[in-house]
């Protein structure tokens, strides 16, 4: 996400020229267009600062707002997790642009409110939201595993169901621990998430 800062001036210039010529966003990957309707969407606070996680109350409020936003802009929410500095969701939508627009509006509202609460007007709160189209059923199940495993990856808890800001408990209740363990073993996540540091 932050490779821009590591580039030389010449590399930056070359990348910007390429993105301009392709009519893609200058400072982020292009948003997906096409036939896919299941997406892994992730968004992070700027420089991974724990702005969402300033307090448990803020986490609870944002969880509610995020889920309400997704319920209004998607067909189904398969998996989600909220951490102090980022979130991941796996959704089905008939219009990814509409879903992203709704999330960007949520980011704008929360950024304004939190910056006021924190007396930090002008602070950059969110970095972006990026979507990855789901390519196959295997990719779909691996993405669920990745999302629900995220609090463990970041050393917040030792078990999925111990993290209060995800749908891990509902997922485990729906399919059972035996099936969840089978899916964990079958759908590898070891090559996922290099961007999620």
Protein backbone atom coordinates (compact mmCIF):
# COMPACT_ATOMS: atom_id res chain seq x y z
CA UNK A 1 0.00 0.00 0.00
CA UNK A 2 2.74 2.43 0.87
CA UNK A 3 5.30 1.54 -1.84
CA UNK A 4 5.07 5.09 -3.21
CA UNK A 5 7.29 6.34 -0.39
CA UNK A 6 9.96 3.77 -1.23
CA UNK A 7 10.14 4.72 -4.94
CA UNK A 8 12.66 7.02 -6.53
CA UNK A 9 11.39 10.19 -8.21
CA UNK A 10 11.94 8.54 -11.60
CA UNK A 11 9.92 5.45 -10.58
CA UNK A 12 7.09 7.65 -9.31
CA UNK A 13 7.04 9.65 -12.53
CA UNK A 14 7.01 6.49 -14.65
CA UNK A 15 4.19 4.93 -12.62
CA UNK A 16 2.08 8.09 -12.79
CA UNK A 17 2.53 8.30 -16.56
CA UNK A 18 1.46 4.67 -16.93
CA UNK A 19 -1.62 5.16 -14.75
CA UNK A 20 -2.58 8.36 -16.59
CA UNK A 21 -2.24 6.63 -19.97
CA UNK A 22 -4.44 3.75 -18.77
CA UNK A 23 -6.97 6.18 -17.25
CA UNK A 24 -6.68 4.46 -13.86
CA UNK A 25 -6.49 6.12 -10.41
CA UNK A 26 -3.14 7.85 -9.94
CA UNK A 27 -2.37 6.71 -6.39
CA UNK A 28 -4.25 3.44 -5.92
CA UNK A 29 -5.06 0.31 -7.90
CA UNK A 30 -8.01 0.58 -10.30
CA UNK A 31 -11.37 -0.60 -9.04
CA UNK A 32 -12.65 -3.81 -10.58
CA UNK A 33 -15.22 -3.79 -13.31
CA UNK A 34 -16.63 -6.90 -14.91
CA UNK A 35 -18.78 -9.90 -14.29
CA UNK A 36 -17.71 -10.89 -10.77
CA UNK A 37 -20.22 -10.26 -8.02
CA UNK A 38 -18.39 -11.55 -4.92
CA UNK A 39 -15.69 -9.28 -3.51
CA UNK A 40 -13.20 -9.19 -0.67
CA UNK A 41 -13.08 -5.53 0.34
CA UNK A 42 -10.51 -4.20 2.76
CA UNK A 43 -9.98 -0.69 4.08
CA UNK A 44 -7.34 0.65 6.44
CA UNK A 45 -6.86 3.73 8.53
CA UNK A 46 -4.13 5.98 7.17
CA UNK A 47 -0.70 4.55 7.98
CA UNK A 48 -2.52 1.80 9.90
CA UNK A 49 -3.11 4.11 12.88
CA UNK A 50 -5.58 2.63 15.38
CA UNK A 51 -8.18 5.34 14.83
CA UNK A 52 -11.18 2.98 14.76
CA UNK A 53 -9.91 1.28 17.90
CA UNK A 54 -9.46 4.40 19.99
CA UNK A 55 -12.18 3.01 22.27
CA UNK A 56 -14.45 -0.01 22.54
CA UNK A 57 -17.40 2.34 22.12
CA UNK A 58 -16.00 3.61 18.80
CA UNK A 59 -15.41 0.03 17.63
CA UNK A 60 -19.02 -0.90 18.51
CA UNK A 61 -20.44 2.17 16.76
CA UNK A 62 -18.38 1.61 13.63
CA UNK A 63 -19.27 -2.08 13.52
CA UNK A 64 -22.94 -1.14 13.48
CA UNK A 65 -22.44 1.56 10.84
CA UNK A 66 -20.32 -0.70 8.63
CA UNK A 67 -22.83 -3.55 8.72
CA UNK A 68 -25.77 -1.20 8.10
CA UNK A 69 -23.93 0.30 5.13
CA UNK A 70 -23.21 -3.15 3.70
CA UNK A 71 -26.77 -4.38 4.27
CA UNK A 72 -28.04 -1.46 2.18
CA UNK A 73 -25.47 -1.77 -0.61
CA UNK A 74 -24.91 -5.53 -1.02
CA UNK A 75 -26.88 -8.71 -1.57
CA UNK A 76 -25.09 -10.79 1.07
CA UNK A 77 -22.37 -10.38 3.71
CA UNK A 78 -20.50 -13.70 3.97
CA UNK A 79 -17.69 -12.75 6.36
CA UNK A 80 -16.45 -9.64 8.13
CA UNK A 81 -13.93 -8.55 10.72
CA UNK A 82 -13.19 -5.17 12.24
CA UNK A 83 -9.80 -4.45 13.82
CA UNK A 84 -8.54 -1.26 15.48
CA UNK A 85 -6.94 0.00 12.27
CA UNK A 86 -8.64 -1.81 9.36
CA UNK A 87 -11.46 -4.08 8.31
CA UNK A 88 -12.17 -6.88 5.84
CA UNK A 89 -15.52 -7.94 4.38
CA UNK A 90 -16.56 -10.60 1.88
CA UNK A 91 -19.76 -9.62 0.12
CA UNK A 92 -21.95 -10.35 -2.85
CA UNK A 93 -23.07 -7.27 -4.75
CA UNK A 94 -24.66 -6.61 -8.10
CA UNK A 95 -22.84 -3.25 -8.26
CA UNK A 96 -19.33 -3.03 -6.77
CA UNK A 97 -19.13 0.69 -7.54
CA UNK A 98 -22.30 1.34 -5.53
CA UNK A 99 -20.91 -0.66 -2.61
CA UNK A 100 -17.57 1.19 -2.72
CA UNK A 101 -19.35 4.55 -2.97
CA UNK A 102 -21.38 3.70 0.13
CA UNK A 103 -18.19 2.71 1.98
CA UNK A 104 -16.40 5.89 0.90
CA UNK A 105 -19.36 7.92 2.20
CA UNK A 106 -19.16 6.01 5.49
CA UNK A 107 -15.45 6.78 5.65
CA UNK A 108 -16.17 10.48 5.08
CA UNK A 109 -18.80 10.62 7.83
CA UNK A 110 -16.70 8.73 10.36
CA UNK A 111 -13.55 10.66 9.50
CA UNK A 112 -15.32 13.96 10.11
CA UNK A 113 -16.90 12.76 13.37
CA UNK A 114 -13.75 11.10 14.77
CA UNK A 115 -11.52 14.03 13.88
CA UNK A 116 -13.94 16.29 15.75
CA UNK A 117 -14.04 13.95 18.75
CA UNK A 118 -10.25 13.69 18.77
CA UNK A 119 -9.80 17.45 18.17
CA UNK A 120 -7.70 16.69 15.10
CA UNK A 121 -9.49 18.47 12.25
CA UNK A 122 -7.74 17.84 8.96
CA UNK A 123 -6.19 14.53 9.99
CA UNK A 124 -6.23 11.93 7.21
CA UNK A 125 -8.23 9.07 8.72
CA UNK A 126 -8.71 6.52 5.95
CA UNK A 127 -6.25 5.35 3.32
CA UNK A 128 -8.61 3.73 0.80
CA UNK A 129 -10.84 0.74 0.21
CA UNK A 130 -9.69 -1.95 -2.19
CA UNK A 131 -11.74 -4.76 -3.64
CA UNK A 132 -10.55 -8.10 -4.92
CA UNK A 133 -12.92 -10.11 -7.10
CA UNK A 134 -13.42 -13.70 -5.98
CA UNK A 135 -12.12 -16.01 -8.70
CA UNK A 136 -13.43 -19.44 -7.62
CA UNK A 137 -15.14 -21.36 -4.84
CA UNK A 138 -11.72 -22.25 -3.42
CA UNK A 139 -10.76 -18.56 -3.38
CA UNK A 140 -14.11 -17.79 -1.71
CA UNK A 141 -13.55 -20.27 1.14
CA UNK A 142 -9.90 -19.27 1.57
CA UNK A 143 -11.03 -15.63 1.83
CA UNK A 144 -13.51 -16.51 4.58
CA UNK A 145 -10.70 -18.29 6.44
CA UNK A 146 -8.38 -15.32 5.92
CA UNK A 147 -10.92 -12.77 7.16
CA UNK A 148 -11.98 -14.72 10.26
CA UNK A 149 -8.34 -15.56 11.07
CA UNK A 150 -7.26 -11.90 10.90
CA UNK A 151 -7.51 -11.16 14.66
CA UNK A 152 -5.21 -14.14 15.29
CA UNK A 153 -2.81 -13.05 12.56
CA UNK A 154 -2.51 -9.66 14.27
CA UNK A 155 -2.13 -11.27 17.74
CA UNK A 156 -5.35 -9.94 19.29
CA UNK A 157 -6.78 -13.36 20.25
CA UNK A 158 -5.97 -17.06 19.99
CA UNK A 159 -9.34 -18.30 18.69
CA UNK A 160 -11.63 -16.85 16.02
CA UNK A 161 -14.69 -16.76 18.26
CA UNK A 162 -12.85 -14.78 20.97
CA UNK A 163 -12.74 -11.62 18.83
CA UNK A 164 -16.01 -9.71 19.39
CA UNK A 165 -15.87 -7.68 16.16
CA UNK A 166 -16.46 -10.35 13.51
CA UNK A 167 -19.03 -12.89 12.43
CA UNK A 168 -16.78 -15.83 13.39
CA UNK A 169 -19.15 -17.09 16.09
CA UNK A 170 -22.13 -17.03 13.72
CA UNK A 171 -20.05 -18.78 11.04
CA UNK A 172 -18.97 -21.52 13.44
CA UNK A 173 -22.53 -21.92 14.76
CA UNK A 174 -23.83 -22.24 11.19
CA UNK A 175 -21.38 -24.85 9.87
CA UNK A 176 -20.02 -26.41 13.07
CA UNK A 177 -16.46 -26.64 14.31
CA UNK A 178 -15.75 -29.92 12.51
CA UNK A 179 -16.68 -28.47 9.10
CA UNK A 180 -14.85 -25.22 9.88
CA UNK A 181 -11.69 -27.19 10.68
CA UNK A 182 -12.06 -29.20 7.47
CA UNK A 183 -12.39 -25.98 5.46
CA UNK A 184 -9.43 -24.45 7.31
CA UNK A 185 -7.25 -27.38 6.25
CA UNK A 186 -8.58 -27.52 2.69
CA UNK A 187 -8.51 -23.81 1.81
CA UNK A 188 -5.00 -22.50 2.41
CA UNK A 189 -4.45 -18.85 3.31
CA UNK A 190 -0.64 -18.90 3.37
CA UNK A 191 -0.37 -16.95 0.10
CA UNK A 192 -2.98 -14.37 1.03
CA UNK A 193 -2.58 -11.04 2.75
CA UNK A 194 0.90 -9.81 1.92
CA UNK A 195 -0.73 -6.35 1.75
CA UNK A 196 -2.21 -6.72 5.26
CA UNK A 197 0.68 -5.78 7.54
